[in-house]
């Protein structure tokens, strides 16, 4: 009986913003870094800009420090081709400069699904040789900007 009362309280509290646990406060970039596409889509539907950089807590993309990255950078860092596709389909944009940074970042992370998406976007970019990858000399990676 006590379990039924607690369960009912939790369900009713959840409907009205209460419940046993407060909802996590995550940024769009952090939702992507934690592989939570449902939360990422919810945030976008509530008006969060899919191109705006936001904080990602230590331990998700880096060890020892928080970073501020775009959601697309978080998807590349988390090695999530599905998140990258979702962001691009929901308003995220990538210019030529950012594409080069993302392709260099992917080379460090090494995800073939992400690489295929980025290489396909770069196929029309001038001075890009797909077989050899981008020239990454001097390109600051998103997770190194705050160091």
N, C-alpha and C. Protein backbone atom coordinates (compact mmCIF):
# COMPACT_ATOMS: atom_id res chain seq x y z
N UNK A 1 0.81 -1.19 0.00
CA UNK A 1 0.00 0.00 0.00
C UNK A 1 0.86 1.27 0.00
N UNK A 2 1.91 1.26 0.81
CA UNK A 2 2.79 2.43 0.87
C UNK A 2 3.45 2.66 -0.48
N UNK A 3 3.83 1.58 -1.15
CA UNK A 3 4.46 1.70 -2.46
C UNK A 3 3.49 2.34 -3.46
N UNK A 4 2.23 1.98 -3.39
CA UNK A 4 1.23 2.55 -4.30
C UNK A 4 1.08 4.05 -4.05
N UNK A 5 1.12 4.46 -2.79
CA UNK A 5 0.98 5.89 -2.47
C UNK A 5 2.18 6.67 -2.96
N UNK A 6 3.38 6.13 -2.74
CA UNK A 6 4.59 6.80 -3.20
C UNK A 6 4.61 6.87 -4.72
N UNK A 7 4.20 5.79 -5.38
CA UNK A 7 4.17 5.78 -6.85
C UNK A 7 3.19 6.82 -7.38
N UNK A 8 2.02 6.91 -6.76
CA UNK A 8 1.03 7.89 -7.19
C UNK A 8 1.55 9.31 -6.98
N UNK A 9 2.19 9.55 -5.82
CA UNK A 9 2.75 10.87 -5.53
C UNK A 9 3.80 11.23 -6.57
N UNK A 10 4.65 10.28 -6.94
CA UNK A 10 5.70 10.53 -7.91
C UNK A 10 5.11 10.84 -9.28
N UNK A 11 4.10 10.07 -9.68
CA UNK A 11 3.48 10.31 -10.99
C UNK A 11 2.78 11.66 -11.03
N UNK A 12 1.98 11.96 -10.04
CA UNK A 12 1.27 13.24 -10.00
C UNK A 12 2.27 14.38 -9.91
N UNK A 13 3.28 14.24 -9.07
CA UNK A 13 4.32 15.27 -8.95
C UNK A 13 5.04 15.48 -10.26
N UNK A 14 5.28 14.40 -11.00
CA UNK A 14 5.95 14.51 -12.30
C UNK A 14 5.13 15.29 -13.31
N UNK A 15 3.80 15.13 -13.25
CA UNK A 15 2.93 15.87 -14.16
C UNK A 15 2.92 17.36 -13.86
N UNK A 16 3.12 17.71 -12.61
CA UNK A 16 3.05 19.10 -12.21
C UNK A 16 4.40 19.71 -11.89
N UNK A 17 5.48 19.09 -12.39
CA UNK A 17 6.81 19.67 -12.24
C UNK A 17 7.52 19.27 -10.96
N UNK A 18 6.92 18.42 -10.17
CA UNK A 18 7.56 17.97 -8.93
C UNK A 18 8.16 16.60 -9.12
N UNK A 19 7.80 15.66 -8.29
CA UNK A 19 8.32 14.32 -8.38
C UNK A 19 9.50 14.15 -7.45
N UNK A 20 10.07 12.98 -7.48
CA UNK A 20 11.18 12.67 -6.58
C UNK A 20 12.47 13.37 -6.96
N UNK A 21 12.71 13.54 -8.23
CA UNK A 21 13.96 14.16 -8.68
C UNK A 21 13.64 15.35 -9.57
N UNK A 22 14.39 16.39 -9.38
CA UNK A 22 14.26 17.55 -10.26
C UNK A 22 14.81 17.18 -11.63
N UNK A 23 14.23 17.70 -12.70
CA UNK A 23 14.76 17.39 -14.03
C UNK A 23 16.17 17.97 -14.18
N UNK A 24 16.99 17.27 -14.95
CA UNK A 24 18.33 17.76 -15.22
C UNK A 24 18.25 19.03 -16.06
N UNK A 25 19.13 19.97 -15.76
CA UNK A 25 19.26 21.17 -16.57
C UNK A 25 20.48 20.95 -17.47
N UNK A 26 20.23 20.70 -18.73
CA UNK A 26 21.32 20.48 -19.66
C UNK A 26 21.20 21.45 -20.82
N UNK A 27 22.34 21.78 -21.37
CA UNK A 27 22.36 22.61 -22.57
C UNK A 27 22.16 21.70 -23.78
N UNK A 28 21.91 22.29 -24.93
CA UNK A 28 21.77 21.49 -26.14
C UNK A 28 23.06 20.74 -26.44
N UNK A 29 24.19 21.41 -26.31
CA UNK A 29 25.47 20.73 -26.57
C UNK A 29 25.68 19.57 -25.61
N UNK A 30 25.29 19.76 -24.36
CA UNK A 30 25.46 18.69 -23.38
C UNK A 30 24.50 17.53 -23.64
N UNK A 31 23.27 17.83 -24.06
CA UNK A 31 22.34 16.77 -24.42
C UNK A 31 22.92 15.91 -25.55
N UNK A 32 23.52 16.56 -26.53
CA UNK A 32 24.14 15.83 -27.64
C UNK A 32 25.33 15.02 -27.13
N UNK A 33 26.16 15.63 -26.28
CA UNK A 33 27.35 14.94 -25.76
C UNK A 33 26.97 13.72 -24.92
N UNK A 34 25.80 13.77 -24.27
CA UNK A 34 25.36 12.63 -23.47
C UNK A 34 24.50 11.66 -24.28
N UNK A 35 24.45 11.88 -25.58
CA UNK A 35 23.76 11.00 -26.51
C UNK A 35 22.26 10.96 -26.28
N UNK A 36 21.70 12.10 -25.90
CA UNK A 36 20.28 12.19 -25.61
C UNK A 36 19.60 13.00 -26.71
N UNK A 37 19.35 12.34 -27.84
CA UNK A 37 18.73 13.02 -28.98
C UNK A 37 17.32 13.49 -28.67
N UNK A 38 16.60 12.76 -27.82
CA UNK A 38 15.23 13.18 -27.47
C UNK A 38 15.26 14.53 -26.76
N UNK A 39 16.16 14.69 -25.80
CA UNK A 39 16.27 15.96 -25.09
C UNK A 39 16.76 17.06 -26.04
N UNK A 40 17.69 16.72 -26.92
CA UNK A 40 18.18 17.70 -27.89
C UNK A 40 17.05 18.20 -28.78
N UNK A 41 16.23 17.30 -29.28
CA UNK A 41 15.10 17.70 -30.11
C UNK A 41 14.09 18.51 -29.31
N UNK A 42 13.86 18.15 -28.05
CA UNK A 42 12.96 18.91 -27.20
C UNK A 42 13.45 20.34 -27.03
N UNK A 43 14.76 20.49 -26.77
CA UNK A 43 15.33 21.83 -26.60
C UNK A 43 15.22 22.65 -27.88
N UNK A 44 15.46 22.02 -29.02
CA UNK A 44 15.33 22.73 -30.30
C UNK A 44 13.87 23.15 -30.52
N UNK A 45 12.93 22.25 -30.20
CA UNK A 45 11.51 22.58 -30.39
C UNK A 45 11.06 23.71 -29.46
N UNK A 46 11.77 23.89 -28.34
CA UNK A 46 11.46 24.98 -27.41
C UNK A 46 12.16 26.28 -27.80
N UNK A 47 12.94 26.25 -28.90
CA UNK A 47 13.54 27.47 -29.41
C UNK A 47 15.04 27.61 -29.21
N UNK A 48 15.70 26.59 -28.68
CA UNK A 48 17.15 26.66 -28.52
C UNK A 48 17.80 26.69 -29.90
N UNK A 49 18.73 27.60 -30.10
CA UNK A 49 19.44 27.75 -31.37
C UNK A 49 20.42 26.60 -31.53
N UNK A 50 20.27 25.76 -32.57
CA UNK A 50 21.17 24.63 -32.76
C UNK A 50 22.58 25.02 -33.21
N UNK A 51 22.82 26.31 -33.38
CA UNK A 51 24.16 26.79 -33.77
C UNK A 51 24.88 27.51 -32.65
N UNK A 52 24.23 27.68 -31.53
CA UNK A 52 24.81 28.45 -30.42
C UNK A 52 25.68 27.57 -29.53
N UNK A 53 26.93 27.97 -29.30
CA UNK A 53 27.79 27.21 -28.39
C UNK A 53 27.26 27.26 -26.96
N UNK A 54 27.45 26.17 -26.25
CA UNK A 54 27.04 26.12 -24.85
C UNK A 54 27.96 25.16 -24.09
N UNK A 55 27.86 25.23 -22.79
CA UNK A 55 28.74 24.51 -21.89
C UNK A 55 28.46 23.00 -21.89
N UNK A 56 29.55 22.24 -21.84
CA UNK A 56 29.49 20.79 -21.63
C UNK A 56 30.39 20.49 -20.44
N UNK A 57 29.82 19.82 -19.46
CA UNK A 57 30.55 19.52 -18.22
C UNK A 57 31.76 18.62 -18.45
N UNK A 58 32.73 18.80 -17.56
CA UNK A 58 33.92 17.97 -17.51
C UNK A 58 33.52 16.49 -17.49
N UNK A 59 34.27 15.71 -18.23
CA UNK A 59 34.05 14.27 -18.23
C UNK A 59 33.22 13.76 -19.39
N UNK A 60 32.55 14.66 -20.10
CA UNK A 60 31.72 14.21 -21.22
C UNK A 60 32.48 14.24 -22.54
N UNK A 61 33.19 15.32 -22.81
CA UNK A 61 34.02 15.41 -24.02
C UNK A 61 35.50 15.52 -23.67
N UNK A 62 35.78 15.92 -22.44
CA UNK A 62 37.16 16.16 -21.99
C UNK A 62 37.33 15.61 -20.59
N UNK A 63 38.55 15.55 -20.15
CA UNK A 63 38.84 15.16 -18.77
C UNK A 63 39.57 16.31 -18.10
N UNK A 64 39.00 16.83 -17.04
CA UNK A 64 39.66 17.86 -16.26
C UNK A 64 39.15 19.27 -16.46
N UNK A 65 38.24 19.49 -17.39
CA UNK A 65 37.73 20.85 -17.60
C UNK A 65 36.44 20.83 -18.41
N UNK A 66 35.60 21.85 -18.18
CA UNK A 66 34.39 22.06 -18.97
C UNK A 66 34.80 22.69 -20.30
N UNK A 67 33.97 22.56 -21.30
CA UNK A 67 34.20 23.21 -22.58
C UNK A 67 32.92 23.90 -23.04
N UNK A 68 33.07 24.87 -23.91
CA UNK A 68 31.94 25.52 -24.57
C UNK A 68 32.09 25.21 -26.06
N UNK A 69 31.13 24.44 -26.57
CA UNK A 69 31.17 24.00 -27.97
C UNK A 69 29.78 24.11 -28.58
N UNK A 70 29.74 24.11 -29.90
CA UNK A 70 28.44 24.07 -30.58
C UNK A 70 27.87 22.65 -30.47
N UNK A 71 26.58 22.50 -30.65
CA UNK A 71 26.00 21.16 -30.64
C UNK A 71 26.62 20.25 -31.71
N UNK A 72 26.93 20.80 -32.88
CA UNK A 72 27.55 20.00 -33.93
C UNK A 72 28.94 19.52 -33.48
N UNK A 73 29.71 20.39 -32.84
CA UNK A 73 31.01 19.99 -32.32
C UNK A 73 30.86 18.91 -31.25
N UNK A 74 29.82 19.03 -30.43
CA UNK A 74 29.56 18.00 -29.42
C UNK A 74 29.23 16.67 -30.07
N UNK A 75 28.47 16.68 -31.16
CA UNK A 75 28.14 15.44 -31.86
C UNK A 75 29.39 14.78 -32.42
N UNK A 76 30.28 15.57 -33.00
CA UNK A 76 31.54 15.02 -33.53
C UNK A 76 32.38 14.48 -32.38
N UNK A 77 32.49 15.25 -31.30
CA UNK A 77 33.28 14.82 -30.16
C UNK A 77 32.75 13.57 -29.49
N UNK A 78 31.44 13.42 -29.46
CA UNK A 78 30.82 12.24 -28.85
C UNK A 78 30.73 11.07 -29.84
N UNK A 79 31.18 11.28 -31.06
CA UNK A 79 31.19 10.26 -32.11
C UNK A 79 29.78 9.78 -32.41
N UNK A 80 28.87 10.74 -32.62
CA UNK A 80 27.46 10.42 -32.83
C UNK A 80 26.98 10.90 -34.19
N UNK A 81 27.08 10.03 -35.18
CA UNK A 81 26.60 10.36 -36.52
C UNK A 81 25.09 10.63 -36.50
N UNK A 82 24.34 9.88 -35.69
CA UNK A 82 22.90 10.08 -35.63
C UNK A 82 22.56 11.47 -35.08
N UNK A 83 23.29 11.92 -34.08
CA UNK A 83 23.07 13.27 -33.53
C UNK A 83 23.45 14.34 -34.54
N UNK A 84 24.54 14.11 -35.26
CA UNK A 84 24.98 15.07 -36.27
C UNK A 84 23.92 15.20 -37.36
N UNK A 85 23.41 14.08 -37.84
CA UNK A 85 22.35 14.12 -38.86
C UNK A 85 21.12 14.85 -38.33
N UNK A 86 20.73 14.56 -37.09
CA UNK A 86 19.55 15.19 -36.49
C UNK A 86 19.74 16.70 -36.40
N UNK A 87 20.91 17.15 -35.96
CA UNK A 87 21.17 18.59 -35.85
C UNK A 87 21.13 19.27 -37.21
N UNK A 88 21.76 18.66 -38.20
CA UNK A 88 21.77 19.25 -39.55
C UNK A 88 20.37 19.30 -40.15
N UNK A 89 19.53 18.33 -39.79
CA UNK A 89 18.15 18.32 -40.29
C UNK A 89 17.26 19.30 -39.54
N UNK A 90 17.76 19.82 -38.41
CA UNK A 90 16.94 20.71 -37.58
C UNK A 90 17.55 22.09 -37.40
N UNK A 91 18.24 22.56 -38.44
CA UNK A 91 18.66 23.95 -38.46
C UNK A 91 20.12 24.24 -38.18
N UNK A 92 20.89 23.26 -37.79
CA UNK A 92 22.32 23.51 -37.57
C UNK A 92 22.99 23.75 -38.92
N UNK A 93 23.88 24.72 -38.96
CA UNK A 93 24.60 25.02 -40.19
C UNK A 93 26.10 24.88 -39.95
N UNK A 94 26.81 24.58 -41.02
CA UNK A 94 28.26 24.41 -40.95
C UNK A 94 28.86 25.14 -42.14
N UNK A 95 29.64 26.21 -41.87
CA UNK A 95 30.31 26.90 -42.97
C UNK A 95 31.64 26.20 -43.28
N UNK A 96 32.35 26.68 -44.30
CA UNK A 96 33.59 26.02 -44.73
C UNK A 96 34.65 26.00 -43.64
N UNK A 97 34.78 27.08 -42.89
CA UNK A 97 35.78 27.12 -41.81
C UNK A 97 35.46 26.09 -40.73
N UNK A 98 34.20 26.06 -40.31
CA UNK A 98 33.77 25.11 -39.28
C UNK A 98 33.87 23.68 -39.78
N UNK A 99 33.59 23.47 -41.06
CA UNK A 99 33.70 22.12 -41.62
C UNK A 99 35.14 21.61 -41.51
N UNK A 100 36.09 22.48 -41.79
CA UNK A 100 37.50 22.08 -41.66
C UNK A 100 37.83 21.72 -40.21
N UNK A 101 37.37 22.53 -39.27
CA UNK A 101 37.60 22.25 -37.84
C UNK A 101 36.96 20.92 -37.46
N UNK A 102 35.74 20.71 -37.90
CA UNK A 102 35.04 19.46 -37.57
C UNK A 102 35.74 18.24 -38.16
N UNK A 103 36.21 18.38 -39.39
CA UNK A 103 36.90 17.25 -40.01
C UNK A 103 38.22 16.94 -39.28
N UNK A 104 38.91 17.97 -38.82
CA UNK A 104 40.14 17.75 -38.05
C UNK A 104 39.82 17.14 -36.70
N UNK A 105 38.76 17.61 -36.06
CA UNK A 105 38.34 17.06 -34.77
C UNK A 105 37.95 15.60 -34.91
N UNK A 106 37.25 15.27 -35.98
CA UNK A 106 36.85 13.88 -36.21
C UNK A 106 38.07 12.99 -36.38
N UNK A 107 39.12 13.50 -37.01
CA UNK A 107 40.33 12.68 -37.21
C UNK A 107 40.93 12.27 -35.87
N UNK A 108 40.80 13.13 -34.86
CA UNK A 108 41.29 12.82 -33.52
C UNK A 108 40.38 11.80 -32.85
N UNK A 109 39.08 11.92 -33.06
CA UNK A 109 38.10 11.05 -32.41
C UNK A 109 37.90 9.74 -33.16
N UNK A 110 38.00 9.77 -34.48
CA UNK A 110 37.95 8.57 -35.30
C UNK A 110 36.61 7.85 -35.34
N UNK A 111 35.60 8.44 -35.92
CA UNK A 111 34.31 7.78 -36.08
C UNK A 111 33.94 7.77 -37.56
N UNK A 112 33.82 6.57 -38.14
CA UNK A 112 33.58 6.46 -39.58
C UNK A 112 32.22 7.01 -39.99
N UNK A 113 31.21 6.90 -39.14
CA UNK A 113 29.90 7.45 -39.49
C UNK A 113 29.93 8.96 -39.56
N UNK A 114 30.56 9.58 -38.60
CA UNK A 114 30.71 11.04 -38.60
C UNK A 114 31.58 11.46 -39.78
N UNK A 115 32.67 10.75 -40.02
CA UNK A 115 33.58 11.07 -41.13
C UNK A 115 32.83 11.07 -42.45
N UNK A 116 31.98 10.07 -42.67
CA UNK A 116 31.24 9.98 -43.94
C UNK A 116 30.34 11.20 -44.13
N UNK A 117 29.67 11.66 -43.07
CA UNK A 117 28.80 12.83 -43.17
C UNK A 117 29.61 14.08 -43.49
N UNK A 118 30.71 14.27 -42.77
CA UNK A 118 31.54 15.46 -42.98
C UNK A 118 32.22 15.43 -44.35
N UNK A 119 32.72 14.28 -44.76
CA UNK A 119 33.36 14.18 -46.07
C UNK A 119 32.36 14.45 -47.19
N UNK A 120 31.12 14.00 -47.02
CA UNK A 120 30.10 14.26 -48.04
C UNK A 120 29.81 15.76 -48.14
N UNK A 121 29.79 16.46 -47.01
CA UNK A 121 29.57 17.91 -47.03
C UNK A 121 30.76 18.63 -47.64
N UNK A 122 31.96 18.07 -47.49
CA UNK A 122 33.18 18.71 -48.00
C UNK A 122 33.43 18.41 -49.46
N UNK A 123 32.68 17.50 -50.03
CA UNK A 123 32.97 17.08 -51.41
C UNK A 123 32.89 18.23 -52.40
N UNK A 124 32.09 19.25 -52.11
CA UNK A 124 32.00 20.40 -53.00
C UNK A 124 32.89 21.55 -52.58
N UNK A 125 33.55 21.42 -51.45
CA UNK A 125 34.39 22.52 -50.94
C UNK A 125 35.68 22.60 -51.72
N UNK A 126 36.11 23.78 -52.10
CA UNK A 126 37.37 23.92 -52.82
C UNK A 126 38.56 23.58 -51.92
N UNK A 127 39.63 23.14 -52.51
CA UNK A 127 40.90 22.81 -51.88
C UNK A 127 40.79 21.73 -50.81
N UNK A 128 39.85 20.82 -51.00
CA UNK A 128 39.71 19.70 -50.08
C UNK A 128 39.91 18.41 -50.85
N UNK A 129 40.87 17.64 -50.45
CA UNK A 129 41.11 16.34 -51.06
C UNK A 129 40.53 15.30 -50.12
N UNK A 130 39.48 14.63 -50.54
CA UNK A 130 38.79 13.70 -49.65
C UNK A 130 39.66 12.53 -49.24
N UNK A 131 40.45 12.01 -50.11
CA UNK A 131 41.24 10.84 -49.77
C UNK A 131 42.23 11.08 -48.66
N UNK A 132 42.84 12.23 -48.63
CA UNK A 132 43.87 12.50 -47.63
C UNK A 132 43.33 13.24 -46.42
N UNK A 133 42.14 13.76 -46.47
CA UNK A 133 41.59 14.51 -45.35
C UNK A 133 42.06 15.94 -45.39
N UNK A 134 41.57 16.75 -44.48
CA UNK A 134 41.91 18.17 -44.47
C UNK A 134 43.32 18.40 -43.93
N UNK A 135 43.88 19.56 -44.26
CA UNK A 135 45.15 19.98 -43.66
C UNK A 135 44.81 20.55 -42.29
N UNK A 136 45.23 19.87 -41.25
CA UNK A 136 44.87 20.26 -39.88
C UNK A 136 45.97 21.00 -39.15
N UNK A 137 47.03 21.35 -39.86
CA UNK A 137 48.12 22.09 -39.21
C UNK A 137 47.59 23.43 -38.72
N UNK A 138 47.75 23.68 -37.45
CA UNK A 138 47.35 24.95 -36.86
C UNK A 138 45.86 25.12 -36.63
N UNK A 139 45.07 24.09 -36.83
CA UNK A 139 43.63 24.18 -36.63
C UNK A 139 43.33 23.89 -35.15
N UNK A 140 42.80 24.89 -34.41
CA UNK A 140 42.46 24.64 -33.00
C UNK A 140 41.21 23.78 -32.90
N UNK A 141 41.28 22.72 -32.15
CA UNK A 141 40.12 21.85 -31.98
C UNK A 141 39.16 22.46 -30.96
N UNK A 142 37.87 22.17 -31.09
CA UNK A 142 36.89 22.77 -30.19
C UNK A 142 37.18 22.57 -28.70
N UNK A 143 37.68 21.41 -28.34
CA UNK A 143 37.92 21.12 -26.92
C UNK A 143 39.23 21.73 -26.40
N UNK A 144 40.03 22.29 -27.29
CA UNK A 144 41.29 22.90 -26.88
C UNK A 144 41.17 24.42 -26.74
N UNK A 145 40.05 25.00 -27.10
CA UNK A 145 39.90 26.46 -27.10
C UNK A 145 40.02 27.05 -25.70
N UNK A 146 39.53 26.36 -24.68
CA UNK A 146 39.51 26.91 -23.33
C UNK A 146 40.79 26.62 -22.56
N UNK A 147 41.70 25.87 -23.10
CA UNK A 147 42.91 25.47 -22.36
C UNK A 147 43.95 26.54 -22.40
